[in-house]
Amino acid sequence: MSTSIWVMYDEDFKEVNAELSKLQMLANSKVTFLVDKNGHLIASAGDSKNLDTTSLASLTAGNIAATGGMAKLLGEKEFSILFHEGERDHIHVSIIAQRLILVVVFDHRSSLGLVRLRVKKSGEVLARIFTKILTRTEKVDIEKEARSPFAAITEDDIDRLFS
C-alpha cells in the first residue's frame, strides 16, 4: 500500500463517520476525529463546535511527527499511542494503519482505560476500512497505468527514437 493518494467515496465516508460516532458514544468522549499524517482532517464526531479542528488536526500531525523523531532517536519505529492529560480535558492519540491519526478528546466523564479499550476496537475497524480504500485505489492506479498509451514503450523504443 504505497499509494500516497487515495480516494474516499461517500459510502467509505459514511462508514468512517459511523465508526467515529460509535467510538465517541462508547468511550463517552467529547469528540473524536480522524486526521491524515499531513494534518488534514478527514472526519469527526461529537461536539466540535467550540474547537478549531483544523488547527488541532495540524498540531496533532506535528505532534506525531515530533514524537516519531524522538522514537527514532531511541531506536523505536514509532510510538503508536500518545496521551496528554490536562486539568479539564485529555487527549488520546493513536496511529491507525501507519497513515492515519485517531484523536479522542475526553474529560472526567470517561477514563483512560475505557478510551484505550474502545480505541483499540475502533482502530481495527478503521484500519479495515482504509485497507479496503487503499486496495481499491491501488487497483485503479494499476488499471490506469495499463491503459496508458506509454505503457508499451520500451527502453529500446526510446533508444531507436533518439539514435
C-alpha atoms as a PDB file:
ATOM      1  CA  MET A   1       0.000   0.000   0.000  1.00  0.00           C
ATOM      2  CA  SER A   2       2.492   2.548  -1.127  1.00  0.00           C
ATOM      3  CA  THR A   3      -0.066   4.820  -2.732  1.00  0.00           C
ATOM      4  CA  SER A   4       0.164   8.260  -1.198  1.00  0.00           C
ATOM      5  CA  ILE A   5      -3.084   9.484  -2.723  1.00  0.00           C
ATOM      6  CA  TRP A   6      -6.321   7.676  -2.020  1.00  0.00           C
ATOM      7  CA  VAL A   7      -9.939   8.229  -2.903  1.00  0.00           C
ATOM      8  CA  MET A   8     -12.718   8.049  -0.347  1.00  0.00           C
ATOM      9  CA  TYR A   9     -16.208   7.556  -1.733  1.00  0.00           C
ATOM     10  CA  ASP A  10     -19.392   8.590   0.016  1.00  0.00           C
ATOM     11  CA  GLU A  11     -20.048   5.084   1.351  1.00  0.00           C
ATOM     12  CA  ASP A  12     -16.484   4.997   2.770  1.00  0.00           C
ATOM     13  CA  PHE A  13     -17.011   8.365   4.446  1.00  0.00           C
ATOM     14  CA  LYS A  14     -20.285   7.146   5.957  1.00  0.00           C
ATOM     15  CA  GLU A  15     -18.532   4.051   7.352  1.00  0.00           C
ATOM     16  CA  VAL A  16     -15.770   6.179   8.870  1.00  0.00           C
ATOM     17  CA  ASN A  17     -18.271   8.641  10.353  1.00  0.00           C
ATOM     18  CA  ALA A  18     -20.367   5.808  11.786  1.00  0.00           C
ATOM     19  CA  GLU A  19     -17.326   4.265  13.467  1.00  0.00           C
ATOM     20  CA  LEU A  20     -16.179   7.627  14.861  1.00  0.00           C
ATOM     21  CA  SER A  21     -19.687   8.291  16.210  1.00  0.00           C
ATOM     22  CA  LYS A  22     -19.799   4.832  17.775  1.00  0.00           C
ATOM     23  CA  LEU A  23     -16.385   5.379  19.369  1.00  0.00           C
ATOM     24  CA  GLN A  24     -17.401   8.805  20.659  1.00  0.00           C
ATOM     25  CA  MET A  25     -20.511   7.352  22.267  1.00  0.00           C
ATOM     26  CA  LEU A  26     -18.951   4.162  23.688  1.00  0.00           C
ATOM     27  CA  ALA A  27     -15.860   5.940  25.030  1.00  0.00           C
ATOM     28  CA  ASN A  28     -18.061   8.682  26.472  1.00  0.00           C
ATOM     29  CA  SER A  29     -15.760  11.239  24.870  1.00  0.00           C
ATOM     30  CA  LYS A  30     -16.414  14.816  23.879  1.00  0.00           C
ATOM     31  CA  VAL A  31     -15.167  14.467  20.327  1.00  0.00           C
ATOM     32  CA  THR A  32     -13.331  12.004  18.100  1.00  0.00           C
ATOM     33  CA  PHE A  33     -11.666  12.805  14.845  1.00  0.00           C
ATOM     34  CA  LEU A  34      -9.522  11.221  12.205  1.00  0.00           C
ATOM     35  CA  VAL A  35      -6.592  13.024  10.624  1.00  0.00           C
ATOM     36  CA  ASP A  36      -4.082  12.023   7.970  1.00  0.00           C
ATOM     37  CA  LYS A  37      -0.367  12.321   8.729  1.00  0.00           C
ATOM     38  CA  ASN A  38      -0.243  15.543   6.690  1.00  0.00           C
ATOM     39  CA  GLY A  39      -2.601  17.173   9.201  1.00  0.00           C
ATOM     40  CA  HIS A  40      -5.782  17.135   7.107  1.00  0.00           C
ATOM     41  CA  LEU A  41      -8.991  16.482   8.972  1.00  0.00           C
ATOM     42  CA  ILE A  42     -10.803  13.512   7.419  1.00  0.00           C
ATOM     43  CA  ALA A  43     -13.858  13.189   9.670  1.00  0.00           C
ATOM     44  CA  SER A  44     -15.074  13.975  13.175  1.00  0.00           C
ATOM     45  CA  ALA A  45     -17.866  13.064  15.556  1.00  0.00           C
ATOM     46  CA  GLY A  46     -19.123  14.725  18.709  1.00  0.00           C
ATOM     47  CA  ASP A  47     -19.211  18.288  19.930  1.00  0.00           C
ATOM     48  CA  SER A  48     -16.551  20.094  17.919  1.00  0.00           C
ATOM     49  CA  LYS A  49     -18.286  23.458  17.532  1.00  0.00           C
ATOM     50  CA  ASN A  50     -16.023  25.110  20.142  1.00  0.00           C
ATOM     51  CA  LEU A  51     -12.859  23.528  18.725  1.00  0.00           C
ATOM     52  CA  ASP A  52     -10.673  24.746  15.903  1.00  0.00           C
ATOM     53  CA  THR A  53     -10.472  21.253  14.415  1.00  0.00           C
ATOM     54  CA  THR A  54      -8.302  22.385  11.505  1.00  0.00           C
ATOM     55  CA  SER A  55      -5.610  23.706  13.842  1.00  0.00           C
ATOM     56  CA  LEU A  56      -5.976  20.751  16.191  1.00  0.00           C
ATOM     57  CA  ALA A  57      -5.583  18.343  13.262  1.00  0.00           C
ATOM     58  CA  SER A  58      -2.423  20.119  12.064  1.00  0.00           C
ATOM     59  CA  LEU A  59      -0.937  20.285  15.546  1.00  0.00           C
ATOM     60  CA  THR A  60      -1.731  16.624  16.148  1.00  0.00           C
ATOM     61  CA  ALA A  61       0.086  15.619  12.951  1.00  0.00           C
ATOM     62  CA  GLY A  62       3.026  17.795  14.021  1.00  0.00           C
ATOM     63  CA  ASN A  63       2.990  16.124  17.427  1.00  0.00           C
ATOM     64  CA  ILE A  64       3.085  12.692  15.772  1.00  0.00           C
ATOM     65  CA  ALA A  65       5.978  13.799  13.546  1.00  0.00           C
ATOM     66  CA  ALA A  66       7.941  15.167  16.512  1.00  0.00           C
ATOM     67  CA  THR A  67       7.274  12.049  18.554  1.00  0.00           C
ATOM     68  CA  GLY A  68       8.380   9.962  15.571  1.00  0.00           C
ATOM     69  CA  GLY A  69      11.704  11.792  15.678  1.00  0.00           C
ATOM     70  CA  MET A  70      12.053  11.012  19.384  1.00  0.00           C
ATOM     71  CA  ALA A  71      11.201   7.361  18.713  1.00  0.00           C
ATOM     72  CA  LYS A  72      13.936   7.100  16.087  1.00  0.00           C
ATOM     73  CA  LEU A  73      16.454   8.600  18.499  1.00  0.00           C
ATOM     74  CA  LEU A  74      15.567   5.846  20.946  1.00  0.00           C
ATOM     75  CA  GLY A  75      15.719   3.139  18.295  1.00  0.00           C
ATOM     76  CA  GLU A  76      11.945   2.688  18.043  1.00  0.00           C
ATOM     77  CA  LYS A  77       9.977   2.629  14.799  1.00  0.00           C
ATOM     78  CA  GLU A  78       7.316   4.927  16.247  1.00  0.00           C
ATOM     79  CA  PHE A  79       5.215   5.476  19.329  1.00  0.00           C
ATOM     80  CA  SER A  80       1.753   4.406  18.253  1.00  0.00           C
ATOM     81  CA  ILE A  81      -0.136   5.920  21.197  1.00  0.00           C
ATOM     82  CA  LEU A  82       0.172   9.322  22.847  1.00  0.00           C
ATOM     83  CA  PHE A  83      -1.741  10.671  25.816  1.00  0.00           C
ATOM     84  CA  HIS A  84      -1.965  14.255  27.038  1.00  0.00           C
ATOM     85  CA  GLU A  85      -3.601  14.963  30.374  1.00  0.00           C
ATOM     86  CA  GLY A  86      -4.976  18.394  31.147  1.00  0.00           C
ATOM     87  CA  GLU A  87      -6.873  19.859  34.079  1.00  0.00           C
ATOM     88  CA  ARG A  88     -10.244  19.501  32.333  1.00  0.00           C
ATOM     89  CA  ASP A  89      -9.688  17.695  29.064  1.00  0.00           C
ATOM     90  CA  HIS A  90      -7.460  14.857  27.979  1.00  0.00           C
ATOM     91  CA  ILE A  91      -6.357  13.787  24.513  1.00  0.00           C
ATOM     92  CA  HIS A  92      -5.677  10.221  23.419  1.00  0.00           C
ATOM     93  CA  VAL A  93      -3.877   9.990  20.078  1.00  0.00           C
ATOM     94  CA  SER A  94      -3.201   6.775  18.196  1.00  0.00           C
ATOM     95  CA  ILE A  95      -1.833   5.836  14.807  1.00  0.00           C
ATOM     96  CA  ILE A  96      -4.109   3.711  12.637  1.00  0.00           C
ATOM     97  CA  ALA A  97      -2.816   1.676   9.678  1.00  0.00           C
ATOM     98  CA  GLN A  98       0.529   3.556   9.733  1.00  0.00           C
ATOM     99  CA  ARG A  99      -1.008   6.546   7.957  1.00  0.00           C
ATOM    100  CA  LEU A 100      -3.934   7.894   9.979  1.00  0.00           C
ATOM    101  CA  ILE A 101      -4.227   9.545  13.357  1.00  0.00           C
ATOM    102  CA  LEU A 102      -7.224   8.878  15.586  1.00  0.00           C
ATOM    103  CA  VAL A 103      -7.817  11.550  18.224  1.00  0.00           C
ATOM    104  CA  VAL A 104     -10.180  11.224  21.179  1.00  0.00           C
ATOM    105  CA  VAL A 105     -10.816  14.232  23.424  1.00  0.00           C
ATOM    106  CA  PHE A 106     -12.426  13.318  26.734  1.00  0.00           C
ATOM    107  CA  ASP A 107     -12.942  14.669  30.232  1.00  0.00           C
ATOM    108  CA  HIS A 108     -13.764  13.380  33.739  1.00  0.00           C
ATOM    109  CA  ARG A 109     -16.888  11.577  32.455  1.00  0.00           C
ATOM    110  CA  SER A 110     -14.652   8.901  30.935  1.00  0.00           C
ATOM    111  CA  SER A 111     -11.395   7.182  31.834  1.00  0.00           C
ATOM    112  CA  LEU A 112      -8.144   6.454  30.040  1.00  0.00           C
ATOM    113  CA  GLY A 113      -8.766   2.715  30.362  1.00  0.00           C
ATOM    114  CA  LEU A 114     -12.176   2.936  28.721  1.00  0.00           C
ATOM    115  CA  VAL A 115     -10.856   5.171  25.938  1.00  0.00           C
ATOM    116  CA  ARG A 116      -7.918   2.820  25.250  1.00  0.00           C
ATOM    117  CA  LEU A 117     -10.220  -0.198  25.092  1.00  0.00           C
ATOM    118  CA  ARG A 118     -12.665   1.477  22.721  1.00  0.00           C
ATOM    119  CA  VAL A 119      -9.895   2.977  20.562  1.00  0.00           C
ATOM    120  CA  LYS A 120      -8.318  -0.449  20.128  1.00  0.00           C
ATOM    121  CA  LYS A 121     -11.576  -1.894  18.777  1.00  0.00           C
ATOM    122  CA  SER A 122     -12.428   1.119  16.598  1.00  0.00           C
ATOM    123  CA  GLY A 123      -8.861   1.280  15.340  1.00  0.00           C
ATOM    124  CA  GLU A 124      -9.203  -2.231  13.957  1.00  0.00           C
ATOM    125  CA  VAL A 125     -12.439  -1.306  12.183  1.00  0.00           C
ATOM    126  CA  LEU A 126     -10.963   1.911  10.760  1.00  0.00           C
ATOM    127  CA  ALA A 127      -7.848   0.034   9.613  1.00  0.00           C
ATOM    128  CA  ARG A 128     -10.046  -2.421   7.691  1.00  0.00           C
ATOM    129  CA  ILE A 129     -11.982   0.434   6.086  1.00  0.00           C
ATOM    130  CA  PHE A 130      -8.799   2.177   4.957  1.00  0.00           C
ATOM    131  CA  THR A 131      -7.185  -1.058   3.786  1.00  0.00           C
ATOM    132  CA  LYS A 132     -10.216  -1.501   1.536  1.00  0.00           C
ATOM    133  CA  ILE A 133      -9.929   2.103   0.301  1.00  0.00           C
ATOM    134  CA  LEU A 134      -6.193   1.806  -0.382  1.00  0.00           C
ATOM    135  CA  THR A 135      -6.535  -1.569  -2.100  1.00  0.00           C
ATOM    136  CA  ARG A 136      -9.237  -0.163  -4.373  1.00  0.00           C
ATOM    137  CA  THR A 137      -7.116   2.920  -5.121  1.00  0.00           C
ATOM    138  CA  GLU A 138      -4.082   0.799  -5.996  1.00  0.00           C
ATOM    139  CA  LYS A 139      -6.211  -1.370  -8.287  1.00  0.00           C
ATOM    140  CA  VAL A 140      -7.495   1.733 -10.104  1.00  0.00           C
ATOM    141  CA  ASP A 141      -3.920   3.072 -10.388  1.00  0.00           C
ATOM    142  CA  ILE A 142      -2.710  -0.209 -11.918  1.00  0.00           C
ATOM    143  CA  GLU A 143      -5.624  -0.250 -14.358  1.00  0.00           C
ATOM    144  CA  LYS A 144      -4.932   3.358 -15.396  1.00  0.00           C
ATOM    145  CA  GLU A 145      -1.256   2.578 -15.881  1.00  0.00           C
ATOM    146  CA  ALA A 146      -2.090  -0.445 -18.045  1.00  0.00           C
ATOM    147  CA  ARG A 147      -4.359   1.718 -20.268  1.00  0.00           C
ATOM    148  CA  SER A 148      -1.685   4.368 -20.737  1.00  0.00           C
ATOM    149  CA  PRO A 149      -0.525   4.767 -24.346  1.00  0.00           C
ATOM    150  CA  PHE A 150       3.032   4.964 -22.981  1.00  0.00           C
ATOM    151  CA  ALA A 151       2.857   1.657 -21.091  1.00  0.00           C
ATOM    152  CA  ALA A 152       4.083  -0.345 -24.099  1.00  0.00           C
ATOM    153  CA  ILE A 153       7.085   1.885 -24.833  1.00  0.00           C
ATOM    154  CA  THR A 154      10.361   0.188 -24.003  1.00  0.00           C
ATOM    155  CA  GLU A 155      13.902   1.460 -23.450  1.00  0.00           C
ATOM    156  CA  ASP A 156      14.781   0.119 -26.912  1.00  0.00           C
ATOM    157  CA  ASP A 157      11.967   2.172 -28.469  1.00  0.00           C
ATOM    158  CA  ILE A 158      13.343   5.304 -26.824  1.00  0.00           C
ATOM    159  CA  ASP A 159      16.895   4.495 -27.947  1.00  0.00           C
ATOM    160  CA  ARG A 160      15.734   3.948 -31.555  1.00  0.00           C
ATOM    161  CA  LEU A 161      13.826   7.231 -31.477  1.00  0.00           C
ATOM    162  CA  PHE A 162      16.860   9.260 -30.420  1.00  0.00           C
ATOM    163  CA  SER A 163      19.538   7.333 -32.390  1.00  0.00           C
END
